[in-house]
């Protein structure tokens, strides 16, 4: 069942979080452009906690018949896309009751951890589940490596949320593949594989 049910005035709220260089902003841009192509009013905003690569990054994507603000109100996110498990835990309080978290289990410590400012949680996914959150967690990095390109994590994560959106998964997949057809046609097939692998991974997680 879709986590992001829609009605005439429903706004779908997607929060994407992770570490710089993982593709958070690209994922948010693809989601925004896809929703726009389906006739939705779309608002998007990004927050980069540190300017350099490896810093914490979050992006809010909101779409519906009419969207007034780009920022998701606290506790109203329908879907949390966590590119990194500790960052997913940090932002899971933004989910609404019944919201869904898609989490990449691949650990990538942010600078605040490597600098010793904050400890890395022992079991971020377990902590989220202990709070009663529906979590689909899988190693998107391992999937991407099996397909031969770690940059495919982005497409894997988008595939994972595809069946929770208010439009068919094929529309999101086509939007992703269209980005490669003209510029890098050799990457079309592997991105299609990554997308479908993400859909399968969330269903099994």
C-alpha atoms as a PDB file:
ATOM      1  CA  UNK A   1       0.000   0.000   0.000  1.00  0.00           C
ATOM      2  CA  UNK A   2       1.328   3.451  -0.854  1.00  0.00           C
ATOM      3  CA  UNK A   3       2.621   5.449   2.089  1.00  0.00           C
ATOM      4  CA  UNK A   4       1.958   8.665   0.210  1.00  0.00           C
ATOM      5  CA  UNK A   5      -1.760   8.544  -0.510  1.00  0.00           C
ATOM      6  CA  UNK A   6      -3.103  11.466  -2.423  1.00  0.00           C
ATOM      7  CA  UNK A   7      -6.348  13.387  -2.539  1.00  0.00           C
ATOM      8  CA  UNK A   8      -7.315  16.613  -4.219  1.00  0.00           C
ATOM      9  CA  UNK A   9      -5.485  18.749  -1.660  1.00  0.00           C
ATOM     10  CA  UNK A  10      -2.897  16.251  -0.439  1.00  0.00           C
ATOM     11  CA  UNK A  11       0.744  17.276  -0.478  1.00  0.00           C
ATOM     12  CA  UNK A  12       3.307  14.492  -0.707  1.00  0.00           C
ATOM     13  CA  UNK A  13       6.343  15.200   1.457  1.00  0.00           C
ATOM     14  CA  UNK A  14       9.665  13.443   0.831  1.00  0.00           C
ATOM     15  CA  UNK A  15      12.735  14.083   2.959  1.00  0.00           C
ATOM     16  CA  UNK A  16      16.065  12.939   1.495  1.00  0.00           C
ATOM     17  CA  UNK A  17      19.066  12.807   3.827  1.00  0.00           C
ATOM     18  CA  UNK A  18      22.658  11.673   3.571  1.00  0.00           C
ATOM     19  CA  UNK A  19      26.269  12.699   3.200  1.00  0.00           C
ATOM     20  CA  UNK A  20      27.723  14.987   0.562  1.00  0.00           C
ATOM     21  CA  UNK A  21      28.682  13.101  -2.571  1.00  0.00           C
ATOM     22  CA  UNK A  22      26.057  10.372  -2.166  1.00  0.00           C
ATOM     23  CA  UNK A  23      23.607  11.953  -4.614  1.00  0.00           C
ATOM     24  CA  UNK A  24      21.044  13.428  -2.216  1.00  0.00           C
ATOM     25  CA  UNK A  25      20.497  16.584  -4.257  1.00  0.00           C
ATOM     26  CA  UNK A  26      20.385  14.685  -7.542  1.00  0.00           C
ATOM     27  CA  UNK A  27      17.725  12.338  -6.160  1.00  0.00           C
ATOM     28  CA  UNK A  28      15.671  15.307  -4.988  1.00  0.00           C
ATOM     29  CA  UNK A  29      15.990  16.981  -8.378  1.00  0.00           C
ATOM     30  CA  UNK A  30      14.840  13.831 -10.215  1.00  0.00           C
ATOM     31  CA  UNK A  31      11.832  13.492  -7.901  1.00  0.00           C
ATOM     32  CA  UNK A  32      10.946  17.161  -8.369  1.00  0.00           C
ATOM     33  CA  UNK A  33      11.198  17.070 -12.156  1.00  0.00           C
ATOM     34  CA  UNK A  34       9.171  13.855 -12.331  1.00  0.00           C
ATOM     35  CA  UNK A  35       6.391  15.281 -10.178  1.00  0.00           C
ATOM     36  CA  UNK A  36       6.429  18.479 -12.235  1.00  0.00           C
ATOM     37  CA  UNK A  37       6.015  16.445 -15.429  1.00  0.00           C
ATOM     38  CA  UNK A  38       2.866  14.921 -13.927  1.00  0.00           C
ATOM     39  CA  UNK A  39       1.251  18.315 -13.445  1.00  0.00           C
ATOM     40  CA  UNK A  40       1.946  18.793  -9.736  1.00  0.00           C
ATOM     41  CA  UNK A  41       2.919  22.030  -8.077  1.00  0.00           C
ATOM     42  CA  UNK A  42       6.416  21.303  -6.764  1.00  0.00           C
ATOM     43  CA  UNK A  43       8.625  22.925  -4.144  1.00  0.00           C
ATOM     44  CA  UNK A  44      12.152  21.820  -3.216  1.00  0.00           C
ATOM     45  CA  UNK A  45      14.844  23.000  -0.859  1.00  0.00           C
ATOM     46  CA  UNK A  46      18.291  21.769   0.195  1.00  0.00           C
ATOM     47  CA  UNK A  47      20.377  22.245   3.303  1.00  0.00           C
ATOM     48  CA  UNK A  48      24.084  21.397   3.281  1.00  0.00           C
ATOM     49  CA  UNK A  49      25.473  21.245   6.781  1.00  0.00           C
ATOM     50  CA  UNK A  50      29.075  21.562   5.570  1.00  0.00           C
ATOM     51  CA  UNK A  51      30.267  22.907   2.243  1.00  0.00           C
ATOM     52  CA  UNK A  52      32.911  20.284   1.545  1.00  0.00           C
ATOM     53  CA  UNK A  53      32.278  16.810   0.204  1.00  0.00           C
ATOM     54  CA  UNK A  54      31.294  14.464   3.023  1.00  0.00           C
ATOM     55  CA  UNK A  55      29.205  16.946   4.976  1.00  0.00           C
ATOM     56  CA  UNK A  56      25.603  16.330   5.976  1.00  0.00           C
ATOM     57  CA  UNK A  57      23.016  17.101   3.277  1.00  0.00           C
ATOM     58  CA  UNK A  58      19.216  17.087   3.403  1.00  0.00           C
ATOM     59  CA  UNK A  59      16.616  17.966   0.794  1.00  0.00           C
ATOM     60  CA  UNK A  60      12.880  18.526   1.107  1.00  0.00           C
ATOM     61  CA  UNK A  61      10.656  17.674  -1.868  1.00  0.00           C
ATOM     62  CA  UNK A  62       6.972  18.598  -1.725  1.00  0.00           C
ATOM     63  CA  UNK A  63       4.363  18.242  -4.447  1.00  0.00           C
ATOM     64  CA  UNK A  64       0.592  18.371  -4.768  1.00  0.00           C
ATOM     65  CA  UNK A  65      -2.167  20.427  -6.327  1.00  0.00           C
ATOM     66  CA  UNK A  66      -0.874  23.473  -4.467  1.00  0.00           C
ATOM     67  CA  UNK A  67       2.247  23.750  -2.313  1.00  0.00           C
ATOM     68  CA  UNK A  68       2.881  26.938  -0.378  1.00  0.00           C
ATOM     69  CA  UNK A  69       6.243  26.241   1.263  1.00  0.00           C
ATOM     70  CA  UNK A  70       9.320  24.223   0.260  1.00  0.00           C
ATOM     71  CA  UNK A  71       9.980  23.145   3.856  1.00  0.00           C
ATOM     72  CA  UNK A  72       8.239  20.039   5.190  1.00  0.00           C
ATOM     73  CA  UNK A  73       6.416  20.890   8.432  1.00  0.00           C
ATOM     74  CA  UNK A  74       7.820  19.003  11.413  1.00  0.00           C
ATOM     75  CA  UNK A  75       6.402  15.492  11.668  1.00  0.00           C
ATOM     76  CA  UNK A  76       4.707  15.514   8.265  1.00  0.00           C
ATOM     77  CA  UNK A  77       7.140  13.675   5.983  1.00  0.00           C
ATOM     78  CA  UNK A  78       5.492  10.772   4.155  1.00  0.00           C
ATOM     79  CA  UNK A  79       8.769   9.195   3.055  1.00  0.00           C
ATOM     80  CA  UNK A  80      12.280   9.453   4.461  1.00  0.00           C
ATOM     81  CA  UNK A  81      14.990   8.447   2.004  1.00  0.00           C
ATOM     82  CA  UNK A  82      18.104   7.793   4.081  1.00  0.00           C
ATOM     83  CA  UNK A  83      21.279   7.446   2.033  1.00  0.00           C
ATOM     84  CA  UNK A  84      23.156   6.838   5.294  1.00  0.00           C
ATOM     85  CA  UNK A  85      21.695   5.014   8.351  1.00  0.00           C
ATOM     86  CA  UNK A  86      22.805   7.395  11.108  1.00  0.00           C
ATOM     87  CA  UNK A  87      21.478  10.353   9.124  1.00  0.00           C
ATOM     88  CA  UNK A  88      18.198   8.508   8.626  1.00  0.00           C
ATOM     89  CA  UNK A  89      17.959   8.047  12.390  1.00  0.00           C
ATOM     90  CA  UNK A  90      18.722  11.707  12.970  1.00  0.00           C
ATOM     91  CA  UNK A  91      15.859  12.799  10.718  1.00  0.00           C
ATOM     92  CA  UNK A  92      13.285  10.082  11.413  1.00  0.00           C
ATOM     93  CA  UNK A  93      11.395  12.379  13.782  1.00  0.00           C
ATOM     94  CA  UNK A  94      10.226  14.255  10.692  1.00  0.00           C
ATOM     95  CA  UNK A  95       8.096  11.294   9.593  1.00  0.00           C
ATOM     96  CA  UNK A  96       4.361  11.442  10.091  1.00  0.00           C
ATOM     97  CA  UNK A  97       2.628   8.549  11.884  1.00  0.00           C
ATOM     98  CA  UNK A  98       2.498   5.763   9.309  1.00  0.00           C
ATOM     99  CA  UNK A  99       5.331   7.270   7.261  1.00  0.00           C
ATOM    100  CA  UNK A 100       7.954   5.028   5.684  1.00  0.00           C
ATOM    101  CA  UNK A 101      11.744   5.097   5.843  1.00  0.00           C
ATOM    102  CA  UNK A 102      13.909   3.697   3.035  1.00  0.00           C
ATOM    103  CA  UNK A 103      17.415   3.326   4.392  1.00  0.00           C
ATOM    104  CA  UNK A 104      20.729   2.460   2.801  1.00  0.00           C
ATOM    105  CA  UNK A 105      22.628   0.384   5.364  1.00  0.00           C
ATOM    106  CA  UNK A 106      26.012   1.442   3.944  1.00  0.00           C
ATOM    107  CA  UNK A 107      27.714   3.302   6.791  1.00  0.00           C
ATOM    108  CA  UNK A 108      29.499   6.533   5.911  1.00  0.00           C
ATOM    109  CA  UNK A 109      30.483   8.564   8.939  1.00  0.00           C
ATOM    110  CA  UNK A 110      29.980  12.329   8.674  1.00  0.00           C
ATOM    111  CA  UNK A 111      32.791  14.688   9.759  1.00  0.00           C
ATOM    112  CA  UNK A 112      31.163  15.328  13.158  1.00  0.00           C
ATOM    113  CA  UNK A 113      31.754  11.635  13.924  1.00  0.00           C
ATOM    114  CA  UNK A 114      35.229  11.299  12.442  1.00  0.00           C
ATOM    115  CA  UNK A 115      36.275  14.431  14.346  1.00  0.00           C
ATOM    116  CA  UNK A 116      35.039  12.871  17.585  1.00  0.00           C
ATOM    117  CA  UNK A 117      32.290  15.446  18.181  1.00  0.00           C
ATOM    118  CA  UNK A 118      29.473  12.892  18.219  1.00  0.00           C
ATOM    119  CA  UNK A 119      29.408   9.087  18.597  1.00  0.00           C
ATOM    120  CA  UNK A 120      28.055   6.919  15.802  1.00  0.00           C
ATOM    121  CA  UNK A 121      24.918   5.029  16.953  1.00  0.00           C
ATOM    122  CA  UNK A 122      25.337   1.278  17.482  1.00  0.00           C
ATOM    123  CA  UNK A 123      22.215   0.277  15.537  1.00  0.00           C
ATOM    124  CA  UNK A 124      20.485   3.198  13.800  1.00  0.00           C
ATOM    125  CA  UNK A 125      18.017   0.986  11.910  1.00  0.00           C
ATOM    126  CA  UNK A 126      17.118  -0.912  15.088  1.00  0.00           C
ATOM    127  CA  UNK A 127      16.554   2.364  16.937  1.00  0.00           C
ATOM    128  CA  UNK A 128      14.190   3.543  14.233  1.00  0.00           C
ATOM    129  CA  UNK A 129      12.221   0.323  14.343  1.00  0.00           C
ATOM    130  CA  UNK A 130      12.074   0.531  18.140  1.00  0.00           C
ATOM    131  CA  UNK A 131      10.257   3.842  17.680  1.00  0.00           C
ATOM    132  CA  UNK A 132       7.573   2.062  15.680  1.00  0.00           C
ATOM    133  CA  UNK A 133       8.702   3.319  12.278  1.00  0.00           C
ATOM    134  CA  UNK A 134       8.228   1.174   9.185  1.00  0.00           C
ATOM    135  CA  UNK A 135      11.797   0.811   7.933  1.00  0.00           C
ATOM    136  CA  UNK A 136      12.951  -0.885   4.745  1.00  0.00           C
ATOM    137  CA  UNK A 137      16.734  -1.185   5.129  1.00  0.00           C
ATOM    138  CA  UNK A 138      19.145  -2.753   2.657  1.00  0.00           C
ATOM    139  CA  UNK A 139      22.698  -2.255   1.404  1.00  0.00           C
ATOM    140  CA  UNK A 140      22.273  -0.086  -1.676  1.00  0.00           C
ATOM    141  CA  UNK A 141      26.049   0.178  -1.908  1.00  0.00           C
ATOM    142  CA  UNK A 142      26.407  -3.585  -2.291  1.00  0.00           C
ATOM    143  CA  UNK A 143      23.736  -3.587  -5.000  1.00  0.00           C
ATOM    144  CA  UNK A 144      25.534  -0.787  -6.838  1.00  0.00           C
ATOM    145  CA  UNK A 145      28.895  -2.570  -6.577  1.00  0.00           C
ATOM    146  CA  UNK A 146      27.391  -5.757  -7.996  1.00  0.00           C
ATOM    147  CA  UNK A 147      26.237  -3.706 -10.965  1.00  0.00           C
ATOM    148  CA  UNK A 148      29.734  -2.282 -11.370  1.00  0.00           C
ATOM    149  CA  UNK A 149      29.279   1.366 -10.339  1.00  0.00           C
ATOM    150  CA  UNK A 150      28.905   2.770  -6.820  1.00  0.00           C
ATOM    151  CA  UNK A 151      27.247   5.891  -8.237  1.00  0.00           C
ATOM    152  CA  UNK A 152      24.190   3.738  -8.929  1.00  0.00           C
ATOM    153  CA  UNK A 153      23.235   4.004  -5.234  1.00  0.00           C
ATOM    154  CA  UNK A 154      21.182   7.033  -6.215  1.00  0.00           C
ATOM    155  CA  UNK A 155      19.103   5.069  -8.727  1.00  0.00           C
ATOM    156  CA  UNK A 156      18.762   2.127  -6.330  1.00  0.00           C
ATOM    157  CA  UNK A 157      17.294   4.414  -3.654  1.00  0.00           C
ATOM    158  CA  UNK A 158      14.888   6.036  -6.101  1.00  0.00           C
ATOM    159  CA  UNK A 159      13.741   2.587  -7.193  1.00  0.00           C
ATOM    160  CA  UNK A 160      13.140   1.707  -3.561  1.00  0.00           C
ATOM    161  CA  UNK A 161      10.580   4.479  -3.072  1.00  0.00           C
ATOM    162  CA  UNK A 162       8.969   4.174  -6.508  1.00  0.00           C
ATOM    163  CA  UNK A 163       6.032   2.066  -5.330  1.00  0.00           C
ATOM    164  CA  UNK A 164       5.232   4.565  -2.555  1.00  0.00           C
ATOM    165  CA  UNK A 165       4.658   7.536  -4.845  1.00  0.00           C
ATOM    166  CA  UNK A 166       1.305   8.825  -6.142  1.00  0.00           C
ATOM    167  CA  UNK A 167       2.219   8.022  -9.756  1.00  0.00           C
ATOM    168  CA  UNK A 168       3.324   4.765 -11.421  1.00  0.00           C
ATOM    169  CA  UNK A 169       6.867   3.546 -10.818  1.00  0.00           C
ATOM    170  CA  UNK A 170       7.431   3.400 -14.575  1.00  0.00           C
ATOM    171  CA  UNK A 171       7.113   7.181 -14.780  1.00  0.00           C
ATOM    172  CA  UNK A 172       9.923   7.718 -12.281  1.00  0.00           C
ATOM    173  CA  UNK A 173      12.065   5.093 -13.991  1.00  0.00           C
ATOM    174  CA  UNK A 174      11.569   6.716 -17.380  1.00  0.00           C
ATOM    175  CA  UNK A 175      12.542  10.106 -15.928  1.00  0.00           C
ATOM    176  CA  UNK A 176      15.802   8.610 -14.651  1.00  0.00           C
ATOM    177  CA  UNK A 177      16.625   6.802 -17.891  1.00  0.00           C
ATOM    178  CA  UNK A 178      15.849   9.880 -19.980  1.00  0.00           C
ATOM    179  CA  UNK A 179      18.693  11.690 -18.208  1.00  0.00           C
ATOM    180  CA  UNK A 180      21.156   9.199 -19.701  1.00  0.00           C
ATOM    181  CA  UNK A 181      19.768   8.500 -23.165  1.00  0.00           C
ATOM    182  CA  UNK A 182      21.226  11.598 -24.814  1.00  0.00           C
ATOM    183  CA  UNK A 183      24.395  12.125 -22.785  1.00  0.00           C
ATOM    184  CA  UNK A 184      25.457   8.620 -21.676  1.00  0.00           C
ATOM    185  CA  UNK A 185      23.375   5.994 -23.505  1.00  0.00           C
ATOM    186  CA  UNK A 186      25.705   3.209 -22.338  1.00  0.00           C
ATOM    187  CA  UNK A 187      24.419   3.767 -18.786  1.00  0.00           C
ATOM    188  CA  UNK A 188      20.719   3.366 -19.585  1.00  0.00           C
ATOM    189  CA  UNK A 189      20.547  -0.408 -19.156  1.00  0.00           C
ATOM    190  CA  UNK A 190      22.518  -0.527 -15.902  1.00  0.00           C
ATOM    191  CA  UNK A 191      20.426   2.272 -14.386  1.00  0.00           C
ATOM    192  CA  UNK A 192      17.286   0.353 -15.295  1.00  0.00           C
ATOM    193  CA  UNK A 193      18.751  -2.665 -13.504  1.00  0.00           C
ATOM    194  CA  UNK A 194      19.617  -0.543 -10.477  1.00  0.00           C
ATOM    195  CA  UNK A 195      16.107   0.912 -10.332  1.00  0.00           C
ATOM    196  CA  UNK A 196      14.445  -2.501 -10.415  1.00  0.00           C
ATOM    197  CA  UNK A 197      16.969  -3.860  -7.885  1.00  0.00           C
ATOM    198  CA  UNK A 198      15.973  -1.059  -5.518  1.00  0.00           C
ATOM    199  CA  UNK A 199      12.285  -1.897  -5.893  1.00  0.00           C
ATOM    200  CA  UNK A 200      13.020  -5.542  -5.140  1.00  0.00           C
ATOM    201  CA  UNK A 201      15.274  -4.711  -2.178  1.00  0.00           C
ATOM    202  CA  UNK A 202      12.685  -2.595  -0.378  1.00  0.00           C
ATOM    203  CA  UNK A 203      10.031  -5.243  -0.906  1.00  0.00           C
ATOM    204  CA  UNK A 204      12.272  -7.871   0.667  1.00  0.00           C
ATOM    205  CA  UNK A 205      13.602  -5.705   3.513  1.00  0.00           C
END
